[in-house]
């Protein structure tokens, strides 16, 4: 089986419970695979820090319902236990109104518009919610309730969530932020008539709080005392959960997942690629592309879906991880650049001060090197970044605009249509992406990559020209998950394979002479 960790709302304690469970299982020497519902990057970093395995995102909007199931079953085949952390409240997702409507725009062919309505089943959940994913995977819910301001009302909350949709299975409850023994007695007395097991009780403890900032939790790489915090959570989990009941529920079931993804991948025309039923991925035995891709990965750039990196490797790419923040030498013999999102605004001064690397990136891009940049990566390629204090720091200078930080958060799923060819898409390609940033561009692109649609809380639709294309750059605020669209990395690698990197930067001595 496995468990989905859900809460009644954001902030109920899902992440703390999840990390505590993972830490205890790892301490016992058990193999465990974690998953995260939704588009989040930061929570999966903590999962991976604890387990030593990449956490996998399960997002039916960015991928598909079929991909969510195949990804889950694929990655539990070699582990003992599996755990899925939910997103927001249990039933919080995308409304049907948003799913089924996009404003008609005569500039584009809407007859082939994106359709992410439910693919199968007769259920009624908000699309891409934790409940939706739990139903798709047929996995029970471990429900976390923040009890800090509750006593008898806890029973109404538990009963309401459990009875809201009878197709959903509940394994039990975790009572979080319990203040005292007397408080716990009141909660237990209220819940007793429901016959719903209490599988965990966590006392109120500010010492186990993970610090956050403007986009959520501070990433694991930036927390020097994280090992100690994880040890404390493992200690807490050892005494706070009913492990006799929990362990059988967390045990991974390996015989699910269907026949593989021949139909899924065939829809996207990957020529001359062998598909394997067993792993539901592109077979690594025949590499379609033999190219080196420089992937920026450090404290400033660390928002990557592991499935995206896997697809690049499965298609034959050699990934060269490097740091625009700390490295003094540009990677050798690469034919493409990949800049993920992250926090370049936090490290803008140091990024700007690494002049050798900024100049090398600019030279590579202007030589025609295919480059894919998302959100933070886009910011780095701008003329400059203006941080929260109003300080301006020079960027790479490929995009003639400034990325300025502000108070307004831009957040949500986006439907987008490519308006022209780029290094990853062809004109009229349709994608779903996700935006999550507090920066804005002072100059919008005159020849954008996308025409995208932002959906408001009341169903209103805003059309936005988005994304920059300079040379062979595809730079956008949209984060894309390529899991159900292997044609996207395949196109990127084809562009990279066609690029001759020889002589772009010359040998090391001449390169250093050039910048000195």
Protein backbone atom coordinates (compact mmCIF):
# COMPACT_ATOMS: atom_id res chain seq x y z
CA UNK A 1 0.00 0.00 0.00
CA UNK A 2 1.30 3.50 0.95
CA UNK A 3 -0.14 6.54 2.68
CA UNK A 4 -1.08 10.03 1.55
CA UNK A 5 -0.36 12.65 4.22
CA UNK A 6 -3.12 15.27 4.01
CA UNK A 7 -4.32 18.17 6.11
CA UNK A 8 -7.44 20.23 6.54
CA UNK A 9 -5.60 23.29 5.21
CA UNK A 10 -2.14 24.66 4.44
CA UNK A 11 -0.10 24.95 7.61
CA UNK A 12 -1.73 22.02 9.38
CA UNK A 13 1.62 20.26 9.67
CA UNK A 14 1.80 17.93 6.67
CA UNK A 15 5.46 18.63 5.96
CA UNK A 16 6.55 18.18 9.58
CA UNK A 17 4.65 14.90 9.84
CA UNK A 18 6.02 13.70 6.50
CA UNK A 19 9.65 14.49 7.31
CA UNK A 20 9.32 12.95 10.78
CA UNK A 21 7.95 9.71 9.30
CA UNK A 22 10.66 9.62 6.64
CA UNK A 23 13.40 10.32 9.16
CA UNK A 24 12.28 7.49 11.44
CA UNK A 25 12.01 4.98 8.59
CA UNK A 26 15.48 5.88 7.31
CA UNK A 27 16.92 5.65 10.82
CA UNK A 28 15.65 2.08 10.93
CA UNK A 29 17.55 1.33 7.72
CA UNK A 30 14.45 0.97 5.56
CA UNK A 31 14.15 1.98 1.89
CA UNK A 32 11.42 4.52 1.33
CA UNK A 33 10.25 6.48 -1.72
CA UNK A 34 8.53 9.81 -1.19
CA UNK A 35 6.23 11.78 -3.45
CA UNK A 36 4.79 15.29 -3.38
CA UNK A 37 1.38 16.28 -4.75
CA UNK A 38 1.50 19.42 -6.87
CA UNK A 39 4.19 21.60 -8.45
CA UNK A 40 6.23 22.39 -5.32
CA UNK A 41 10.04 22.19 -5.44
CA UNK A 42 11.08 22.97 -1.87
CA UNK A 43 9.31 20.22 0.10
CA UNK A 44 10.79 17.57 -2.22
CA UNK A 45 14.27 18.89 -1.38
CA UNK A 46 13.67 18.05 2.28
CA UNK A 47 12.34 14.62 1.35
CA UNK A 48 15.45 13.91 -0.72
CA UNK A 49 17.74 15.22 2.04
CA UNK A 50 16.23 12.67 4.43
CA UNK A 51 15.81 9.64 2.17
CA UNK A 52 18.77 10.02 -0.19
CA UNK A 53 16.35 9.39 -3.08
CA UNK A 54 14.78 11.97 -5.42
CA UNK A 55 11.23 12.86 -4.45
CA UNK A 56 8.77 12.65 -7.34
CA UNK A 57 6.06 15.24 -8.02
CA UNK A 58 2.57 13.96 -8.77
CA UNK A 59 0.71 16.69 -10.64
CA UNK A 60 -2.17 15.79 -12.94
CA UNK A 61 -2.30 19.28 -14.45
CA UNK A 62 1.36 19.61 -15.41
CA UNK A 63 1.38 15.98 -16.60
CA UNK A 64 -1.77 13.80 -16.69
CA UNK A 65 -3.75 11.40 -14.55
CA UNK A 66 -2.17 8.47 -16.38
CA UNK A 67 1.32 9.82 -15.76
CA UNK A 68 0.63 10.33 -12.04
CA UNK A 69 -0.24 6.65 -11.68
CA UNK A 70 2.61 5.37 -13.82
CA UNK A 71 5.16 7.57 -12.05
CA UNK A 72 3.99 6.35 -8.65
CA UNK A 73 4.03 2.65 -9.47
CA UNK A 74 7.31 2.88 -11.36
CA UNK A 75 9.17 4.34 -8.40
CA UNK A 76 7.89 2.04 -5.65
CA UNK A 77 9.13 -1.12 -7.35
CA UNK A 78 12.44 -1.27 -5.46
CA UNK A 79 11.48 0.13 -2.04
CA UNK A 80 9.91 -1.21 1.12
CA UNK A 81 7.77 1.80 1.99
CA UNK A 82 6.12 4.70 0.17
CA UNK A 83 4.67 7.99 1.34
CA UNK A 84 2.92 10.85 -0.49
CA UNK A 85 2.82 14.36 0.95
CA UNK A 86 -0.29 16.24 -0.10
CA UNK A 87 -0.78 19.88 -1.04
CA UNK A 88 -2.86 22.55 0.73
CA UNK A 89 -6.10 21.18 2.20
CA UNK A 90 -7.27 17.69 1.27
CA UNK A 91 -9.89 18.84 -1.26
CA UNK A 92 -8.15 22.00 -2.50
CA UNK A 93 -7.48 21.80 -6.23
CA UNK A 94 -8.59 23.37 -9.49
CA UNK A 95 -12.29 23.99 -9.98
CA UNK A 96 -14.24 22.43 -12.84
CA UNK A 97 -15.07 25.92 -14.08
CA UNK A 98 -11.39 26.69 -14.55
CA UNK A 99 -10.72 23.33 -16.17
CA UNK A 100 -13.43 23.55 -18.76
CA UNK A 101 -13.05 27.12 -19.95
CA UNK A 102 -10.46 29.13 -21.77
CA UNK A 103 -11.27 32.41 -23.39
CA UNK A 104 -11.50 32.02 -27.15
CA UNK A 105 -8.74 33.89 -28.93
CA UNK A 106 -9.03 34.16 -32.69
CA UNK A 107 -5.25 34.35 -33.08
CA UNK A 108 -4.92 30.67 -32.19
CA UNK A 109 -6.43 27.39 -33.20
CA UNK A 110 -8.58 26.49 -30.20
CA UNK A 111 -10.02 23.35 -31.79
CA UNK A 112 -6.98 21.49 -30.43
CA UNK A 113 -7.02 23.20 -27.04
CA UNK A 114 -5.61 21.46 -23.99
CA UNK A 115 -7.99 19.13 -22.20
CA UNK A 116 -7.17 18.03 -18.70
CA UNK A 117 -10.62 16.95 -17.62
CA UNK A 118 -10.74 13.69 -15.77
CA UNK A 119 -9.65 10.79 -17.96
CA UNK A 120 -11.50 8.01 -16.19
CA UNK A 121 -13.59 7.21 -13.15
CA UNK A 122 -16.83 8.57 -11.78
CA UNK A 123 -15.66 10.82 -8.98
CA UNK A 124 -16.09 14.40 -7.93
CA UNK A 125 -12.89 15.90 -6.54
CA UNK A 126 -11.24 19.21 -7.28
CA UNK A 127 -8.79 18.37 -10.03
CA UNK A 128 -5.17 17.79 -8.93
CA UNK A 129 -6.10 18.02 -5.24
CA UNK A 130 -4.60 15.67 -2.68
CA UNK A 131 -7.94 13.82 -2.60
CA UNK A 132 -7.85 13.41 -6.39
CA UNK A 133 -4.35 11.90 -6.29
CA UNK A 134 -5.25 9.62 -3.37
CA UNK A 135 -8.23 8.36 -5.36
CA UNK A 136 -6.17 7.83 -8.53
CA UNK A 137 -3.59 5.79 -6.63
CA UNK A 138 -6.17 3.99 -4.46
CA UNK A 139 -4.09 4.94 -1.41
CA UNK A 140 -5.61 5.78 2.01
CA UNK A 141 -5.24 9.15 3.70
CA UNK A 142 -3.47 9.86 6.97
CA UNK A 143 -5.23 13.07 7.98
CA UNK A 144 -3.34 15.75 9.94
CA UNK A 145 -5.37 18.19 12.06
CA UNK A 146 -3.93 21.30 13.68
CA UNK A 147 -5.44 21.04 17.16
CA UNK A 148 -3.85 24.16 18.62
CA UNK A 149 -7.20 25.96 18.88
CA UNK A 150 -9.57 22.98 19.01
CA UNK A 151 -11.14 20.62 21.48
CA UNK A 152 -14.55 19.08 20.80
CA UNK A 153 -14.77 20.61 17.32
CA UNK A 154 -12.03 18.26 16.16
CA UNK A 155 -14.69 15.55 15.74
CA UNK A 156 -16.75 17.69 13.38
CA UNK A 157 -13.68 18.40 11.26
CA UNK A 158 -12.65 14.75 11.09
CA UNK A 159 -16.20 13.56 10.38
CA UNK A 160 -16.77 16.21 7.73
CA UNK A 161 -13.61 15.41 5.80
CA UNK A 162 -14.09 11.65 6.03
CA UNK A 163 -17.72 11.76 4.89
CA UNK A 164 -17.33 14.45 2.22
CA UNK A 165 -16.61 11.86 -0.45
CA UNK A 166 -17.19 8.18 0.39
CA UNK A 167 -14.84 7.04 -2.40
CA UNK A 168 -11.86 8.25 -0.37
CA UNK A 169 -10.26 5.93 2.18
CA UNK A 170 -9.12 7.22 5.57
CA UNK A 171 -6.41 5.31 7.44
CA UNK A 172 -6.54 7.47 10.55
CA UNK A 173 -5.62 10.78 12.15
CA UNK A 174 -2.54 12.64 13.33
CA UNK A 175 -3.32 15.21 16.02
CA UNK A 176 -0.77 18.01 15.67
CA UNK A 177 0.17 20.79 18.11
CA UNK A 178 -1.47 19.19 21.13
CA UNK A 179 -0.85 21.42 24.15
CA UNK A 180 -1.13 19.06 27.15
CA UNK A 181 -2.35 15.72 28.44
CA UNK A 182 -5.69 17.30 29.34
CA UNK A 183 -5.98 18.75 25.84
CA UNK A 184 -5.31 15.31 24.38
CA UNK A 185 -8.02 13.76 26.58
CA UNK A 186 -10.58 16.26 25.30
CA UNK A 187 -9.62 15.49 21.71
CA UNK A 188 -9.74 11.72 22.22
CA UNK A 189 -13.12 11.90 23.95
CA UNK A 190 -14.58 13.94 21.08
CA UNK A 191 -13.19 11.58 18.42
CA UNK A 192 -14.07 8.30 20.12
CA UNK A 193 -17.57 7.92 18.54
CA UNK A 194 -16.09 8.19 15.03
CA UNK A 195 -14.10 4.96 15.35
CA UNK A 196 -11.28 6.60 13.40
CA UNK A 197 -7.83 5.52 14.65
CA UNK A 198 -5.49 8.14 16.09
CA UNK A 199 -2.16 7.03 14.60
CA UNK A 200 -0.05 9.92 15.82
CA UNK A 201 0.04 12.73 18.37
CA UNK A 202 2.55 15.57 18.07
CA UNK A 203 2.91 18.01 20.95
CA UNK A 204 3.32 21.71 20.40
CA UNK A 205 7.05 22.34 19.91
CA UNK A 206 8.40 25.46 18.24
CA UNK A 207 11.88 23.91 18.15
CA UNK A 208 10.94 21.64 15.22
CA UNK A 209 9.76 24.49 13.00
CA UNK A 210 11.57 24.85 9.66
CA UNK A 211 12.23 28.54 8.84
CA UNK A 212 10.67 30.13 5.78
CA UNK A 213 10.89 33.24 3.59
CA UNK A 214 9.08 34.86 0.64
CA UNK A 215 8.46 31.70 -1.44
CA UNK A 216 7.96 29.19 1.40
CA UNK A 217 10.41 27.08 3.36
CA UNK A 218 14.11 27.90 3.11
CA UNK A 219 15.66 25.13 0.96
CA UNK A 220 17.52 22.32 2.68
CA UNK A 221 20.92 23.32 1.24
CA UNK A 222 20.79 26.66 3.08
CA UNK A 223 20.14 25.24 6.56
CA UNK A 224 23.45 24.33 8.21
CA UNK A 225 21.81 22.64 11.25
CA UNK A 226 19.35 20.57 9.27
CA UNK A 227 20.92 17.23 10.26
CA UNK A 228 20.25 18.01 13.92
CA UNK A 229 16.67 19.03 13.16
CA UNK A 230 16.06 15.81 11.23
CA UNK A 231 17.49 13.76 14.11
CA UNK A 232 15.10 15.51 16.49
CA UNK A 233 12.16 14.76 14.19
CA UNK A 234 13.19 11.10 14.04
CA UNK A 235 13.29 11.02 17.86
CA UNK A 236 9.87 12.66 17.94
CA UNK A 237 8.43 10.20 15.43
CA UNK A 238 9.68 7.21 17.43
CA UNK A 239 7.43 8.10 20.37
CA UNK A 240 4.62 10.00 18.64
CA UNK A 241 3.23 7.43 16.18
CA UNK A 242 1.60 4.02 16.51
CA UNK A 243 4.18 2.17 14.41
CA UNK A 244 2.53 -1.22 14.83
CA UNK A 245 -0.40 0.13 12.83
CA UNK A 246 1.52 2.53 10.59
CA UNK A 247 4.21 0.25 9.18
CA UNK A 248 1.82 -2.14 7.39
CA UNK A 249 -0.04 0.85 5.93
CA UNK A 250 3.19 2.41 4.61
CA UNK A 251 4.44 -0.81 3.00
CA UNK A 252 4.80 -0.41 -0.77
CA UNK A 253 2.67 -2.60 -3.04
CA UNK A 254 4.73 -3.41 -6.14
CA UNK A 255 2.24 -5.16 -8.42
CA UNK A 256 0.33 -2.14 -9.68
CA UNK A 257 0.70 0.31 -12.48
CA UNK A 258 -0.71 -1.34 -15.59
CA UNK A 259 1.19 -2.18 -18.74
CA UNK A 260 3.51 0.78 -19.13
CA UNK A 261 3.37 3.88 -21.29
CA UNK A 262 3.60 2.84 -24.92
CA UNK A 263 0.47 4.81 -25.77
CA UNK A 264 1.53 7.80 -23.68
CA UNK A 265 4.92 8.14 -25.34
CA UNK A 266 3.69 7.19 -28.80
CA UNK A 267 1.39 10.21 -28.78
CA UNK A 268 4.43 12.46 -28.79
CA UNK A 269 6.36 10.90 -31.66
CA UNK A 270 9.75 10.02 -30.26
CA UNK A 271 11.35 8.47 -33.36
CA UNK A 272 13.67 5.47 -33.06
CA UNK A 273 13.24 5.18 -29.29
CA UNK A 274 12.57 1.84 -27.64
CA UNK A 275 9.92 1.86 -24.93
CA UNK A 276 10.13 -0.58 -22.06
CA UNK A 277 6.99 -1.82 -20.35
CA UNK A 278 8.74 -2.58 -17.11
CA UNK A 279 10.01 0.88 -16.27
CA UNK A 280 7.62 3.02 -18.32
CA UNK A 281 10.51 5.18 -19.51
CA UNK A 282 12.62 5.64 -22.56
CA UNK A 283 15.01 2.68 -22.74
CA UNK A 284 18.54 3.70 -21.85
CA UNK A 285 20.14 1.03 -24.03
CA UNK A 286 19.72 3.11 -27.18
CA UNK A 287 20.74 6.73 -26.70
CA UNK A 288 19.11 8.99 -29.24
CA UNK A 289 21.29 12.03 -28.45
CA UNK A 290 24.91 12.11 -27.33
CA UNK A 291 25.24 15.67 -26.01
CA UNK A 292 26.54 17.40 -22.88
CA UNK A 293 24.11 19.74 -21.11
CA UNK A 294 25.30 22.16 -18.44
CA UNK A 295 22.68 22.21 -15.67
CA UNK A 296 23.04 25.09 -13.20
CA UNK A 297 22.53 23.64 -9.73
CA UNK A 298 23.52 25.44 -6.54
CA UNK A 299 21.87 27.55 -3.83
CA UNK A 300 20.64 30.06 -6.42
CA UNK A 301 19.30 27.52 -8.95
CA UNK A 302 17.77 24.36 -7.51
CA UNK A 303 14.18 24.11 -8.75
CA UNK A 304 14.21 21.03 -10.98
CA UNK A 305 11.75 18.18 -11.40
CA UNK A 306 13.78 15.00 -11.18
CA UNK A 307 11.68 13.51 -13.98
CA UNK A 308 12.92 16.27 -16.31
CA UNK A 309 16.54 15.43 -15.55
CA UNK A 310 15.82 11.71 -15.91
CA UNK A 311 14.27 12.22 -19.35
CA UNK A 312 17.29 14.14 -20.56
CA UNK A 313 19.58 11.30 -19.46
CA UNK A 314 17.28 8.61 -20.82
CA UNK A 315 17.40 10.34 -24.20
CA UNK A 316 21.20 10.21 -24.09
CA UNK A 317 22.29 13.52 -22.61
CA UNK A 318 25.22 13.77 -20.25
CA UNK A 319 24.26 16.25 -17.52
CA UNK A 320 27.09 18.42 -16.22
CA UNK A 321 26.06 20.05 -12.95
CA UNK A 322 27.82 23.32 -12.22
CA UNK A 323 27.44 26.51 -10.17
CA UNK A 324 27.08 29.99 -11.68
CA UNK A 325 27.38 31.15 -8.08
CA UNK A 326 30.63 29.51 -7.01
CA UNK A 327 32.44 28.14 -10.07
CA UNK A 328 35.24 30.10 -11.71
CA UNK A 329 35.34 28.00 -14.90
CA UNK A 330 32.58 27.44 -17.45
CA UNK A 331 31.87 23.74 -18.17
CA UNK A 332 33.87 22.14 -20.99
CA UNK A 333 32.42 21.05 -24.33
CA UNK A 334 28.74 21.57 -23.56
CA UNK A 335 26.14 22.00 -26.26
CA UNK A 336 23.24 23.30 -24.18
CA UNK A 337 22.41 25.24 -21.01
CA UNK A 338 19.61 24.52 -18.52
CA UNK A 339 18.85 27.10 -15.83
CA UNK A 340 16.12 26.07 -13.39
CA UNK A 341 14.33 28.29 -10.95
CA UNK A 342 15.45 29.13 -7.46
CA UNK A 343 16.50 32.23 -5.56
CA UNK A 344 18.83 34.36 -7.69
CA UNK A 345 17.42 37.43 -5.93
CA UNK A 346 18.84 36.19 -2.60
CA UNK A 347 22.29 35.64 -4.13
CA UNK A 348 22.20 38.43 -6.72
CA UNK A 349 25.28 40.20 -5.42
CA UNK A 350 27.44 37.09 -5.57
CA UNK A 351 26.05 35.99 -8.95
CA UNK A 352 26.75 39.45 -10.31
CA UNK A 353 30.24 39.43 -8.84
CA UNK A 354 31.14 36.25 -10.72
CA UNK A 355 31.95 38.27 -13.84
CA UNK A 356 33.95 35.49 -15.50
CA UNK A 357 30.96 33.17 -15.49
CA UNK A 358 28.44 35.84 -16.49
CA UNK A 359 30.56 36.75 -19.50
CA UNK A 360 31.08 33.11 -20.43
CA UNK A 361 27.33 32.42 -20.33
CA UNK A 362 26.62 35.50 -22.43
CA UNK A 363 29.24 34.52 -24.99
CA UNK A 364 27.92 30.95 -25.21
CA UNK A 365 24.34 32.16 -25.71
CA UNK A 366 25.25 34.74 -28.35
CA UNK A 367 27.20 32.03 -30.17
CA UNK A 368 23.88 30.20 -30.56
CA UNK A 369 24.03 27.63 -27.75
CA UNK A 370 20.47 26.33 -27.05
CA UNK A 371 19.42 27.51 -23.59
CA UNK A 372 16.37 26.70 -21.49
CA UNK A 373 15.70 28.97 -18.49
CA UNK A 374 12.77 28.91 -16.07
CA UNK A 375 11.80 31.69 -13.64
CA UNK A 376 15.00 32.23 -11.62
CA UNK A 377 16.98 31.24 -14.69
CA UNK A 378 15.13 33.88 -16.69
CA UNK A 379 15.98 36.48 -14.02
CA UNK A 380 19.68 35.62 -14.20
CA UNK A 381 19.72 36.20 -17.98
CA UNK A 382 18.25 39.70 -17.64
CA UNK A 383 20.26 42.91 -17.77
CA UNK A 384 20.01 43.16 -14.01
CA UNK A 385 18.21 41.96 -10.88
CA UNK A 386 16.78 44.45 -8.38
CA UNK A 387 16.61 42.82 -4.94
CA UNK A 388 14.12 43.46 -2.11
CA UNK A 389 16.27 46.31 -0.78
CA UNK A 390 16.21 48.10 -4.12
CA UNK A 391 19.81 47.29 -5.00
CA UNK A 392 20.49 46.61 -8.69
CA UNK A 393 22.94 43.84 -9.62
CA UNK A 394 24.10 43.21 -13.21
CA UNK A 395 22.93 39.95 -14.76
CA UNK A 396 24.08 38.07 -17.83
CA UNK A 397 22.62 40.74 -20.10
CA UNK A 398 21.01 38.53 -22.73
CA UNK A 399 17.44 39.69 -22.10
CA UNK A 400 16.94 43.44 -22.40
CA UNK A 401 14.83 43.84 -19.29
CA UNK A 402 15.21 44.07 -15.52
CA UNK A 403 13.87 41.53 -13.01
CA UNK A 404 12.68 43.57 -10.02
CA UNK A 405 11.47 42.08 -6.75
CA UNK A 406 8.16 43.22 -5.32
CA UNK A 407 5.51 42.37 -2.75
CA UNK A 408 3.01 40.89 -5.21
CA UNK A 409 3.06 37.11 -5.51
CA UNK A 410 2.27 35.69 -8.94
CA UNK A 411 1.03 32.15 -8.40
CA UNK A 412 -0.96 29.55 -10.29
CA UNK A 413 -1.29 27.13 -13.17
CA UNK A 414 -1.11 28.58 -16.65
CA UNK A 415 -2.33 27.34 -19.99
CA UNK A 416 -0.02 28.47 -22.76
CA UNK A 417 0.36 28.23 -26.53
CA UNK A 418 3.73 28.74 -28.22
CA UNK A 419 3.42 31.57 -30.72
CA UNK A 420 6.67 30.70 -32.48
CA UNK A 421 9.38 28.07 -32.61
CA UNK A 422 11.90 27.95 -29.78
CA UNK A 423 14.59 25.57 -28.60
CA UNK A 424 11.98 23.46 -26.77
CA UNK A 425 8.66 24.07 -28.54
CA UNK A 426 7.26 24.59 -32.00
CA UNK A 427 4.62 27.15 -32.90
CA UNK A 428 1.10 26.23 -31.67
CA UNK A 429 2.41 23.69 -29.14
CA UNK A 430 0.16 23.78 -26.07
CA UNK A 431 1.44 23.26 -22.54
CA UNK A 432 0.39 23.66 -18.94
CA UNK A 433 2.90 25.34 -16.65
CA UNK A 434 3.08 26.82 -13.18
CA UNK A 435 4.14 30.28 -12.02
CA UNK A 436 5.43 31.12 -8.53
CA UNK A 437 7.44 34.32 -8.14
CA UNK A 438 7.58 37.76 -6.56
CA UNK A 439 9.61 39.40 -9.30
CA UNK A 440 8.34 41.17 -12.39
CA UNK A 441 10.01 42.34 -15.60
CA UNK A 442 10.25 46.06 -16.24
CA UNK A 443 10.09 45.50 -20.01
CA UNK A 444 7.88 42.78 -21.43
CA UNK A 445 9.03 40.78 -24.47
CA UNK A 446 8.20 42.35 -27.82
CA UNK A 447 8.27 38.95 -29.54
CA UNK A 448 7.05 36.57 -26.82
CA UNK A 449 7.39 32.81 -26.73
CA UNK A 450 3.93 32.16 -25.31
CA UNK A 451 0.42 33.43 -25.29
CA UNK A 452 -0.74 32.27 -21.85
CA UNK A 453 -3.93 32.38 -19.80
CA UNK A 454 -4.07 33.13 -16.08
CA UNK A 455 -7.20 32.02 -14.25
CA UNK A 456 -8.52 34.11 -11.36
CA UNK A 457 -10.27 32.91 -8.22
CA UNK A 458 -13.70 33.66 -9.69
CA UNK A 459 -13.00 32.05 -13.03
CA UNK A 460 -11.98 35.23 -14.85
CA UNK A 461 -9.33 34.79 -17.51
CA UNK A 462 -6.39 37.09 -18.23
CA UNK A 463 -4.44 36.68 -21.47
CA UNK A 464 -0.71 37.39 -21.12
CA UNK A 465 2.17 37.57 -23.61
CA UNK A 466 4.99 35.71 -21.87
CA UNK A 467 8.48 34.34 -22.38
CA UNK A 468 11.63 35.53 -24.15
CA UNK A 469 13.34 34.10 -27.18
CA UNK A 470 16.78 35.49 -28.05
CA UNK A 471 19.21 33.51 -30.21
CA UNK A 472 18.40 29.93 -29.17
CA UNK A 473 17.13 30.90 -25.71
CA UNK A 474 13.76 29.83 -24.34
CA UNK A 475 13.31 31.85 -21.11
CA UNK A 476 10.02 32.03 -19.25
CA UNK A 477 8.44 32.34 -15.82
CA UNK A 478 6.56 29.11 -16.55
CA UNK A 479 7.83 25.95 -14.87
CA UNK A 480 7.16 22.89 -17.05
CA UNK A 481 7.09 19.22 -16.05
CA UNK A 482 8.10 17.13 -19.06
CA UNK A 483 6.92 13.76 -17.75
CA UNK A 484 3.97 13.41 -20.11
CA UNK A 485 5.69 15.43 -22.86
CA UNK A 486 8.99 13.72 -23.75
CA UNK A 487 8.85 15.51 -27.08
CA UNK A 488 9.94 18.70 -25.26
CA UNK A 489 13.34 17.44 -24.01
CA UNK A 490 13.75 15.53 -27.28
CA UNK A 491 13.40 18.77 -29.26
CA UNK A 492 15.78 20.58 -26.90
CA UNK A 493 18.40 17.86 -27.27
CA UNK A 494 18.01 17.85 -31.03
CA UNK A 495 18.73 21.59 -31.07
CA UNK A 496 21.75 20.98 -28.84
CA UNK A 497 23.00 18.15 -31.08
CA UNK A 498 22.86 20.50 -34.07
CA UNK A 499 24.98 23.11 -32.26
CA UNK A 500 28.75 22.99 -32.76
CA UNK A 501 30.32 23.93 -29.43
CA UNK A 502 33.89 23.83 -30.73
CA UNK A 503 35.57 27.16 -30.44
CA UNK A 504 32.74 28.76 -28.45
CA UNK A 505 35.04 29.49 -25.53
CA UNK A 506 38.33 28.19 -26.86
CA UNK A 507 40.82 26.41 -24.66
CA UNK A 508 41.20 27.34 -21.02
CA UNK A 509 44.29 29.50 -21.40
CA UNK A 510 42.84 31.60 -24.18
CA UNK A 511 39.54 31.82 -22.32
CA UNK A 512 41.22 33.17 -19.21
CA UNK A 513 43.24 35.61 -21.33
CA UNK A 514 40.01 36.79 -22.93
CA UNK A 515 38.35 37.67 -19.63
CA UNK A 516 41.46 39.02 -17.92
